[in-house]
Amino acid sequence: MKGKFLILLFPLLKDEGSVYSAESGLDVRKSISGYSLEFINGVMSIMSAVIIVSYLLYTLDPAVQAHYGSKNVYATTFFVILHS
C-alpha cells in the first residue's frame, strides 16, 4: 500500500528538476512556466503528510493488525517518515 502513495511524489520530483533547469536557462516544457519551487515544495510537503497519515491509519486497521499478528504495526510508521 505504501508504494502506491509514494508513487504520487515522482511527478512532483520530475517537475522540481524541470523548474531548476528552467531557472538556469535551459529549455523545458511550456507547462513548467506556471510552477515555482515554492509551489512544488509546498505540494510535496502536503503529499508527504497525506502519505504518513494514510499509512498510520492503515496500520491501525484491526484487519491489518490481525494479518500481521501484532497490534504494534503502527511502529513501522517511523520508517515511512524516514523514507518520505
PDB file of N, CA and C in Angstrom:
ATOM      1  N   MET A   1       0.821  -1.197   0.000  1.00  0.00           N
ATOM      2  CA  MET A   1       0.000   0.000   0.000  1.00  0.00           C
ATOM      3  C   MET A   1       0.864   1.260   0.000  1.00  0.00           C
ATOM      4  N   LYS A   2       1.932   1.250   0.767  1.00  0.00           N
ATOM      5  CA  LYS A   2       2.784   2.426   0.879  1.00  0.00           C
ATOM      6  C   LYS A   2       3.309   2.860  -0.485  1.00  0.00           C
ATOM      7  N   GLY A   3       3.726   1.915  -1.299  1.00  0.00           N
ATOM      8  CA  GLY A   3       4.277   2.233  -2.605  1.00  0.00           C
ATOM      9  C   GLY A   3       3.294   2.947  -3.500  1.00  0.00           C
ATOM     10  N   LYS A   4       2.016   2.646  -3.358  1.00  0.00           N
ATOM     11  CA  LYS A   4       1.002   3.280  -4.190  1.00  0.00           C
ATOM     12  C   LYS A   4       0.901   4.762  -3.884  1.00  0.00           C
ATOM     13  N   PHE A   5       1.103   5.140  -2.640  1.00  0.00           N
ATOM     14  CA  PHE A   5       1.041   6.555  -2.291  1.00  0.00           C
ATOM     15  C   PHE A   5       2.347   7.269  -2.632  1.00  0.00           C
ATOM     16  N   LEU A   6       3.461   6.604  -2.409  1.00  0.00           N
ATOM     17  CA  LEU A   6       4.748   7.240  -2.675  1.00  0.00           C
ATOM     18  C   LEU A   6       4.941   7.541  -4.152  1.00  0.00           C
ATOM     19  N   ILE A   7       4.312   6.764  -5.016  1.00  0.00           N
ATOM     20  CA  ILE A   7       4.440   6.996  -6.450  1.00  0.00           C
ATOM     21  C   ILE A   7       3.866   8.352  -6.842  1.00  0.00           C
ATOM     22  N   LEU A   8       3.000   8.915  -6.013  1.00  0.00           N
ATOM     23  CA  LEU A   8       2.425  10.230  -6.302  1.00  0.00           C
ATOM     24  C   LEU A   8       3.461  11.348  -6.220  1.00  0.00           C
ATOM     25  N   LEU A   9       4.562  11.099  -5.523  1.00  0.00           N
ATOM     26  CA  LEU A   9       5.591  12.126  -5.391  1.00  0.00           C
ATOM     27  C   LEU A   9       6.515  12.201  -6.603  1.00  0.00           C
ATOM     28  N   PHE A  10       6.604  11.137  -7.388  1.00  0.00           N
ATOM     29  CA  PHE A  10       7.549  11.111  -8.500  1.00  0.00           C
ATOM     30  C   PHE A  10       7.304  12.196  -9.552  1.00  0.00           C
ATOM     31  N   PRO A  11       6.061  12.437  -9.981  1.00  0.00           N
ATOM     32  CA  PRO A  11       5.871  13.537 -10.947  1.00  0.00           C
ATOM     33  C   PRO A  11       6.282  14.895 -10.378  1.00  0.00           C
ATOM     34  N   LEU A  12       6.074  15.084  -9.089  1.00  0.00           N
ATOM     35  CA  LEU A  12       6.477  16.352  -8.474  1.00  0.00           C
ATOM     36  C   LEU A  12       7.993  16.494  -8.462  1.00  0.00           C
ATOM     37  N   LEU A  13       8.691  15.399  -8.220  1.00  0.00           N
ATOM     38  CA  LEU A  13      10.151  15.452  -8.237  1.00  0.00           C
ATOM     39  C   LEU A  13      10.657  15.773  -9.641  1.00  0.00           C
ATOM     40  N   LYS A  14      10.016  15.212 -10.645  1.00  0.00           N
ATOM     41  CA  LYS A  14      10.393  15.496 -12.032  1.00  0.00           C
ATOM     42  C   LYS A  14      10.168  16.971 -12.344  1.00  0.00           C
ATOM     43  N   ASP A  15       9.015  17.496 -11.927  1.00  0.00           N
ATOM     44  CA  ASP A  15       8.721  18.904 -12.178  1.00  0.00           C
ATOM     45  C   ASP A  15       9.676  19.817 -11.427  1.00  0.00           C
ATOM     46  N   GLU A  16      10.078  19.402 -10.229  1.00  0.00           N
ATOM     47  CA  GLU A  16      11.022  20.207  -9.463  1.00  0.00           C
ATOM     48  C   GLU A  16      12.345  20.322 -10.221  1.00  0.00           C
ATOM     49  N   GLY A  17      12.795  19.210 -10.770  1.00  0.00           N
ATOM     50  CA  GLY A  17      14.023  19.238 -11.568  1.00  0.00           C
ATOM     51  C   GLY A  17      13.889  20.109 -12.799  1.00  0.00           C
ATOM     52  N   SER A  18      12.714  20.074 -13.423  1.00  0.00           N
ATOM     53  CA  SER A  18      12.481  20.913 -14.608  1.00  0.00           C
ATOM     54  C   SER A  18      12.472  22.392 -14.244  1.00  0.00           C
ATOM     55  N   VAL A  19      11.921  22.736 -13.087  1.00  0.00           N
ATOM     56  CA  VAL A  19      11.907  24.143 -12.654  1.00  0.00           C
ATOM     57  C   VAL A  19      13.338  24.618 -12.390  1.00  0.00           C
ATOM     58  N   TYR A  20      14.145  23.763 -11.745  1.00  0.00           N
ATOM     59  CA  TYR A  20      15.563  24.122 -11.555  1.00  0.00           C
ATOM     60  C   TYR A  20      16.242  24.351 -12.899  1.00  0.00           C
ATOM     61  N   SER A  21      15.958  23.482 -13.866  1.00  0.00           N
ATOM     62  CA  SER A  21      16.555  23.626 -15.199  1.00  0.00           C
ATOM     63  C   SER A  21      16.101  24.917 -15.864  1.00  0.00           C
ATOM     64  N   ALA A  22      14.815  25.241 -15.735  1.00  0.00           N
ATOM     65  CA  ALA A  22      14.279  26.464 -16.342  1.00  0.00           C
ATOM     66  C   ALA A  22      14.920  27.695 -15.723  1.00  0.00           C
ATOM     67  N   GLU A  23      15.160  27.647 -14.408  1.00  0.00           N
ATOM     68  CA  GLU A  23      15.777  28.797 -13.739  1.00  0.00           C
ATOM     69  C   GLU A  23      17.227  28.973 -14.164  1.00  0.00           C
ATOM     70  N   SER A  24      17.876  27.875 -14.605  1.00  0.00           N
ATOM     71  CA  SER A  24      19.250  28.001 -15.079  1.00  0.00           C
ATOM     72  C   SER A  24      19.333  28.343 -16.552  1.00  0.00           C
ATOM     73  N   GLY A  25      18.180  28.548 -17.188  1.00  0.00           N
ATOM     74  CA  GLY A  25      18.177  28.983 -18.575  1.00  0.00           C
ATOM     75  C   GLY A  25      18.033  27.865 -19.594  1.00  0.00           C
ATOM     76  N   LEU A  26      17.866  26.634 -19.165  1.00  0.00           N
ATOM     77  CA  LEU A  26      17.691  25.525 -20.098  1.00  0.00           C
ATOM     78  C   LEU A  26      16.265  25.502 -20.630  1.00  0.00           C
ATOM     79  N   ASP A  27      16.101  24.948 -21.825  1.00  0.00           N
ATOM     80  CA  ASP A  27      14.782  24.856 -22.456  1.00  0.00           C
ATOM     81  C   ASP A  27      14.019  23.686 -21.848  1.00  0.00           C
ATOM     82  N   VAL A  28      12.814  23.948 -21.335  1.00  0.00           N
ATOM     83  CA  VAL A  28      11.973  22.911 -20.713  1.00  0.00           C
ATOM     84  C   VAL A  28      10.556  23.015 -21.263  1.00  0.00           C
ATOM     85  N   ARG A  29       9.689  22.112 -20.819  1.00  0.00           N
ATOM     86  CA  ARG A  29       8.288  22.124 -21.256  1.00  0.00           C
ATOM     87  C   ARG A  29       7.622  23.468 -20.932  1.00  0.00           C
ATOM     88  N   LYS A  30       6.683  23.867 -21.774  1.00  0.00           N
ATOM     89  CA  LYS A  30       5.972  25.128 -21.552  1.00  0.00           C
ATOM     90  C   LYS A  30       5.143  25.094 -20.273  1.00  0.00           C
ATOM     91  N   SER A  31       4.628  23.915 -19.911  1.00  0.00           N
ATOM     92  CA  SER A  31       3.773  23.815 -18.725  1.00  0.00           C
ATOM     93  C   SER A  31       4.533  24.127 -17.436  1.00  0.00           C
ATOM     94  N   ILE A  32       5.825  24.017 -17.456  1.00  0.00           N
ATOM     95  CA  ILE A  32       6.637  24.291 -16.261  1.00  0.00           C
ATOM     96  C   ILE A  32       6.641  25.781 -15.932  1.00  0.00           C
ATOM     97  N   SER A  33       6.382  26.626 -16.910  1.00  0.00           N
ATOM     98  CA  SER A  33       6.447  28.073 -16.674  1.00  0.00           C
ATOM     99  C   SER A  33       5.458  28.535 -15.603  1.00  0.00           C
ATOM    100  N   GLY A  34       4.399  27.771 -15.365  1.00  0.00           N
ATOM    101  CA  GLY A  34       3.415  28.149 -14.357  1.00  0.00           C
ATOM    102  C   GLY A  34       3.775  27.697 -12.946  1.00  0.00           C
ATOM    103  N   TYR A  35       4.858  26.954 -12.802  1.00  0.00           N
ATOM    104  CA  TYR A  35       5.259  26.419 -11.493  1.00  0.00           C
ATOM    105  C   TYR A  35       6.375  27.251 -10.885  1.00  0.00           C
ATOM    106  N   SER A  36       6.401  27.248  -9.578  1.00  0.00           N
ATOM    107  CA  SER A  36       7.526  27.829  -8.856  1.00  0.00           C
ATOM    108  C   SER A  36       8.040  26.780  -7.882  1.00  0.00           C
ATOM    109  N   LEU A  37       9.259  26.953  -7.433  1.00  0.00           N
ATOM    110  CA  LEU A  37       9.818  25.990  -6.478  1.00  0.00           C
ATOM    111  C   LEU A  37       9.036  25.993  -5.177  1.00  0.00           C
ATOM    112  N   GLU A  38       8.536  27.160  -4.771  1.00  0.00           N
ATOM    113  CA  GLU A  38       7.758  27.239  -3.544  1.00  0.00           C
ATOM    114  C   GLU A  38       6.478  26.413  -3.654  1.00  0.00           C
ATOM    115  N   PHE A  39       5.816  26.492  -4.818  1.00  0.00           N
ATOM    116  CA  PHE A  39       4.589  25.727  -5.032  1.00  0.00           C
ATOM    117  C   PHE A  39       4.871  24.230  -4.998  1.00  0.00           C
ATOM    118  N   ILE A  40       5.879  23.794  -5.734  1.00  0.00           N
ATOM    119  CA  ILE A  40       6.193  22.361  -5.793  1.00  0.00           C
ATOM    120  C   ILE A  40       6.605  21.847  -4.417  1.00  0.00           C
ATOM    121  N   ASN A  41       7.419  22.585  -3.689  1.00  0.00           N
ATOM    122  CA  ASN A  41       7.824  22.155  -2.353  1.00  0.00           C
ATOM    123  C   ASN A  41       6.632  22.114  -1.404  1.00  0.00           C
ATOM    124  N   GLY A  42       5.719  23.054  -1.529  1.00  0.00           N
ATOM    125  CA  GLY A  42       4.509  23.042  -0.699  1.00  0.00           C
ATOM    126  C   GLY A  42       3.634  21.837  -0.985  1.00  0.00           C
ATOM    127  N   VAL A  43       3.438  21.532  -2.268  1.00  0.00           N
ATOM    128  CA  VAL A  43       2.634  20.371  -2.644  1.00  0.00           C
ATOM    129  C   VAL A  43       3.310  19.083  -2.177  1.00  0.00           C
ATOM    130  N   MET A  44       4.637  19.005  -2.294  1.00  0.00           N
ATOM    131  CA  MET A  44       5.356  17.812  -1.832  1.00  0.00           C
ATOM    132  C   MET A  44       5.222  17.647  -0.318  1.00  0.00           C
ATOM    133  N   SER A  45       5.221  18.731   0.419  1.00  0.00           N
ATOM    134  CA  SER A  45       5.043  18.647   1.868  1.00  0.00           C
ATOM    135  C   SER A  45       3.644  18.143   2.217  1.00  0.00           C
ATOM    136  N   ILE A  46       2.652  18.658   1.513  1.00  0.00           N
ATOM    137  CA  ILE A  46       1.274  18.216   1.757  1.00  0.00           C
ATOM    138  C   ILE A  46       1.128  16.738   1.406  1.00  0.00           C
ATOM    139  N   MET A  47       1.666  16.321   0.265  1.00  0.00           N
ATOM    140  CA  MET A  47       1.575  14.920  -0.147  1.00  0.00           C
ATOM    141  C   MET A  47       2.300  14.010   0.843  1.00  0.00           C
ATOM    142  N   SER A  48       3.431  14.438   1.362  1.00  0.00           N
ATOM    143  CA  SER A  48       4.150  13.647   2.353  1.00  0.00           C
ATOM    144  C   SER A  48       3.317  13.473   3.615  1.00  0.00           C
ATOM    145  N   ALA A  49       2.660  14.541   4.045  1.00  0.00           N
ATOM    146  CA  ALA A  49       1.793  14.455   5.230  1.00  0.00           C
ATOM    147  C   ALA A  49       0.626  13.510   4.980  1.00  0.00           C
ATOM    148  N   VAL A  50       0.024  13.573   3.791  1.00  0.00           N
ATOM    149  CA  VAL A  50      -1.087  12.685   3.456  1.00  0.00           C
ATOM    150  C   VAL A  50      -0.622  11.234   3.444  1.00  0.00           C
ATOM    151  N   ILE A  51       0.554  10.978   2.905  1.00  0.00           N
ATOM    152  CA  ILE A  51       1.094   9.617   2.868  1.00  0.00           C
ATOM    153  C   ILE A  51       1.300   9.086   4.279  1.00  0.00           C
ATOM    154  N   ILE A  52       1.876   9.888   5.137  1.00  0.00           N
ATOM    155  CA  ILE A  52       2.155   9.449   6.505  1.00  0.00           C
ATOM    156  C   ILE A  52       0.865   9.170   7.266  1.00  0.00           C
ATOM    157  N   VAL A  53      -0.103  10.070   7.179  1.00  0.00           N
ATOM    158  CA  VAL A  53      -1.382   9.871   7.877  1.00  0.00           C
ATOM    159  C   VAL A  53      -2.116   8.656   7.320  1.00  0.00           C
ATOM    160  N   SER A  54      -2.111   8.496   6.003  1.00  0.00           N
ATOM    161  CA  SER A  54      -2.778   7.339   5.390  1.00  0.00           C
ATOM    162  C   SER A  54      -2.141   6.034   5.846  1.00  0.00           C
ATOM    163  N   TYR A  55      -0.819   6.007   5.879  1.00  0.00           N
ATOM    164  CA  TYR A  55      -0.127   4.792   6.313  1.00  0.00           C
ATOM    165  C   TYR A  55      -0.411   4.507   7.789  1.00  0.00           C
ATOM    166  N   LEU A  56      -0.425   5.546   8.609  1.00  0.00           N
ATOM    167  CA  LEU A  56      -0.718   5.358  10.029  1.00  0.00           C
ATOM    168  C   LEU A  56      -2.126   4.798  10.218  1.00  0.00           C
ATOM    169  N   LEU A  57      -3.098   5.335   9.494  1.00  0.00           N
ATOM    170  CA  LEU A  57      -4.462   4.809   9.575  1.00  0.00           C
ATOM    171  C   LEU A  57      -4.526   3.363   9.093  1.00  0.00           C
ATOM    172  N   TYR A  58      -3.762   3.037   8.062  1.00  0.00           N
ATOM    173  CA  TYR A  58      -3.691   1.672   7.557  1.00  0.00           C
ATOM    174  C   TYR A  58      -3.165   0.726   8.640  1.00  0.00           C
ATOM    175  N   THR A  59      -2.115   1.136   9.340  1.00  0.00           N
ATOM    176  CA  THR A  59      -1.523   0.265  10.364  1.00  0.00           C
ATOM    177  C   THR A  59      -2.421   0.121  11.585  1.00  0.00           C
ATOM    178  N   LEU A  60      -3.337   1.049  11.797  1.00  0.00           N
ATOM    179  CA  LEU A  60      -4.248   0.959  12.941  1.00  0.00           C
ATOM    180  C   LEU A  60      -5.511   0.163  12.632  1.00  0.00           C
ATOM    181  N   ASP A  61      -5.676  -0.261  11.390  1.00  0.00           N
ATOM    182  CA  ASP A  61      -6.830  -1.068  10.993  1.00  0.00           C
ATOM    183  C   ASP A  61      -6.755  -2.443  11.672  1.00  0.00           C
ATOM    184  N   PRO A  62      -7.820  -2.864  12.352  1.00  0.00           N
ATOM    185  CA  PRO A  62      -7.799  -4.163  13.032  1.00  0.00           C
ATOM    186  C   PRO A  62      -7.512  -5.342  12.090  1.00  0.00           C
ATOM    187  N   ALA A  63      -7.964  -5.270  10.843  1.00  0.00           N
ATOM    188  CA  ALA A  63      -7.694  -6.352   9.894  1.00  0.00           C
ATOM    189  C   ALA A  63      -6.200  -6.451   9.578  1.00  0.00           C
ATOM    190  N   VAL A  64      -5.538  -5.321   9.461  1.00  0.00           N
ATOM    191  CA  VAL A  64      -4.094  -5.309   9.196  1.00  0.00           C
ATOM    192  C   VAL A  64      -3.348  -5.840  10.415  1.00  0.00           C
ATOM    193  N   GLN A  65      -3.759  -5.403  11.592  1.00  0.00           N
ATOM    194  CA  GLN A  65      -3.112  -5.890  12.810  1.00  0.00           C
ATOM    195  C   GLN A  65      -3.300  -7.391  12.956  1.00  0.00           C
ATOM    196  N   ALA A  66      -4.479  -7.902  12.617  1.00  0.00           N
ATOM    197  CA  ALA A  66      -4.721  -9.349  12.688  1.00  0.00           C
ATOM    198  C   ALA A  66      -3.881 -10.083  11.652  1.00  0.00           C
ATOM    199  N   HIS A  67      -3.733  -9.496  10.475  1.00  0.00           N
ATOM    200  CA  HIS A  67      -2.943 -10.132   9.422  1.00  0.00           C
ATOM    201  C   HIS A  67      -1.483 -10.299   9.847  1.00  0.00           C
ATOM    202  N   TYR A  68      -0.926  -9.277  10.461  1.00  0.00           N
ATOM    203  CA  TYR A  68       0.467  -9.328  10.891  1.00  0.00           C
ATOM    204  C   TYR A  68       0.640  -9.906  12.286  1.00  0.00           C
ATOM    205  N   GLY A  69      -0.467 -10.152  12.987  1.00  0.00           N
ATOM    206  CA  GLY A  69      -0.400 -10.761  14.306  1.00  0.00           C
ATOM    207  C   GLY A  69       0.194  -9.869  15.377  1.00  0.00           C
ATOM    208  N   SER A  70       0.038  -8.570  15.216  1.00  0.00           N
ATOM    209  CA  SER A  70       0.593  -7.631  16.194  1.00  0.00           C
ATOM    210  C   SER A  70      -0.238  -6.361  16.197  1.00  0.00           C
ATOM    211  N   LYS A  71      -0.405  -5.788  17.367  1.00  0.00           N
ATOM    212  CA  LYS A  71      -1.082  -4.501  17.469  1.00  0.00           C
ATOM    213  C   LYS A  71      -0.086  -3.352  17.364  1.00  0.00           C
ATOM    214  N   ASN A  72       1.195  -3.684  17.209  1.00  0.00           N
ATOM    215  CA  ASN A  72       2.245  -2.670  17.147  1.00  0.00           C
ATOM    216  C   ASN A  72       2.713  -2.375  15.727  1.00  0.00           C
ATOM    217  N   VAL A  73       1.880  -2.695  14.744  1.00  0.00           N
ATOM    218  CA  VAL A  73       2.254  -2.439  13.350  1.00  0.00           C
ATOM    219  C   VAL A  73       2.463  -0.936  13.125  1.00  0.00           C
ATOM    220  N   TYR A  74       1.777  -0.119  13.879  1.00  0.00           N
ATOM    221  CA  TYR A  74       1.895   1.335  13.742  1.00  0.00           C
ATOM    222  C   TYR A  74       3.324   1.821  13.947  1.00  0.00           C
ATOM    223  N   ALA A  75       4.138   1.053  14.659  1.00  0.00           N
ATOM    224  CA  ALA A  75       5.521   1.463  14.910  1.00  0.00           C
ATOM    225  C   ALA A  75       6.335   1.542  13.619  1.00  0.00           C
ATOM    226  N   THR A  76       5.883   0.856  12.570  1.00  0.00           N
ATOM    227  CA  THR A  76       6.599   0.922  11.296  1.00  0.00           C
ATOM    228  C   THR A  76       6.413   2.277  10.603  1.00  0.00           C
ATOM    229  N   THR A  77       5.512   3.096  11.108  1.00  0.00           N
ATOM    230  CA  THR A  77       5.296   4.431  10.537  1.00  0.00           C
ATOM    231  C   THR A  77       6.568   5.253  10.590  1.00  0.00           C
ATOM    232  N   PHE A  78       7.387   5.023  11.586  1.00  0.00           N
ATOM    233  CA  PHE A  78       8.668   5.723  11.713  1.00  0.00           C
ATOM    234  C   PHE A  78       9.512   5.550  10.444  1.00  0.00           C
ATOM    235  N   PHE A  79       9.526   4.342   9.884  1.00  0.00           N
ATOM    236  CA  PHE A  79      10.325   4.080   8.685  1.00  0.00           C
ATOM    237  C   PHE A  79       9.724   4.738   7.457  1.00  0.00           C
ATOM    238  N   VAL A  80       8.391   4.872   7.428  1.00  0.00           N
ATOM    239  CA  VAL A  80       7.750   5.580   6.323  1.00  0.00           C
ATOM    240  C   VAL A  80       8.118   7.069   6.387  1.00  0.00           C
ATOM    241  N   ILE A  81       8.166   7.615   7.581  1.00  0.00           N
ATOM    242  CA  ILE A  81       8.564   9.019   7.748  1.00  0.00           C
ATOM    243  C   ILE A  81       9.992   9.214   7.281  1.00  0.00           C
ATOM    244  N   LEU A  82      10.884   8.287   7.605  1.00  0.00           N
ATOM    245  CA  LEU A  82      12.268   8.399   7.156  1.00  0.00           C
ATOM    246  C   LEU A  82      12.377   8.309   5.640  1.00  0.00           C
ATOM    247  N   HIS A  83      11.523   7.494   5.042  1.00  0.00           N
ATOM    248  CA  HIS A  83      11.559   7.302   3.593  1.00  0.00           C
ATOM    249  C   HIS A  83      10.970   8.495   2.855  1.00  0.00           C
ATOM    250  N   SER A  84      10.002   9.179   3.454  1.00  0.00           N
ATOM    251  CA  SER A  84       9.351  10.318   2.793  1.00  0.00           C
ATOM    252  C   SER A  84      10.201  11.500   2.851  1.00  0.00           C
TER     253      SER A  84
END
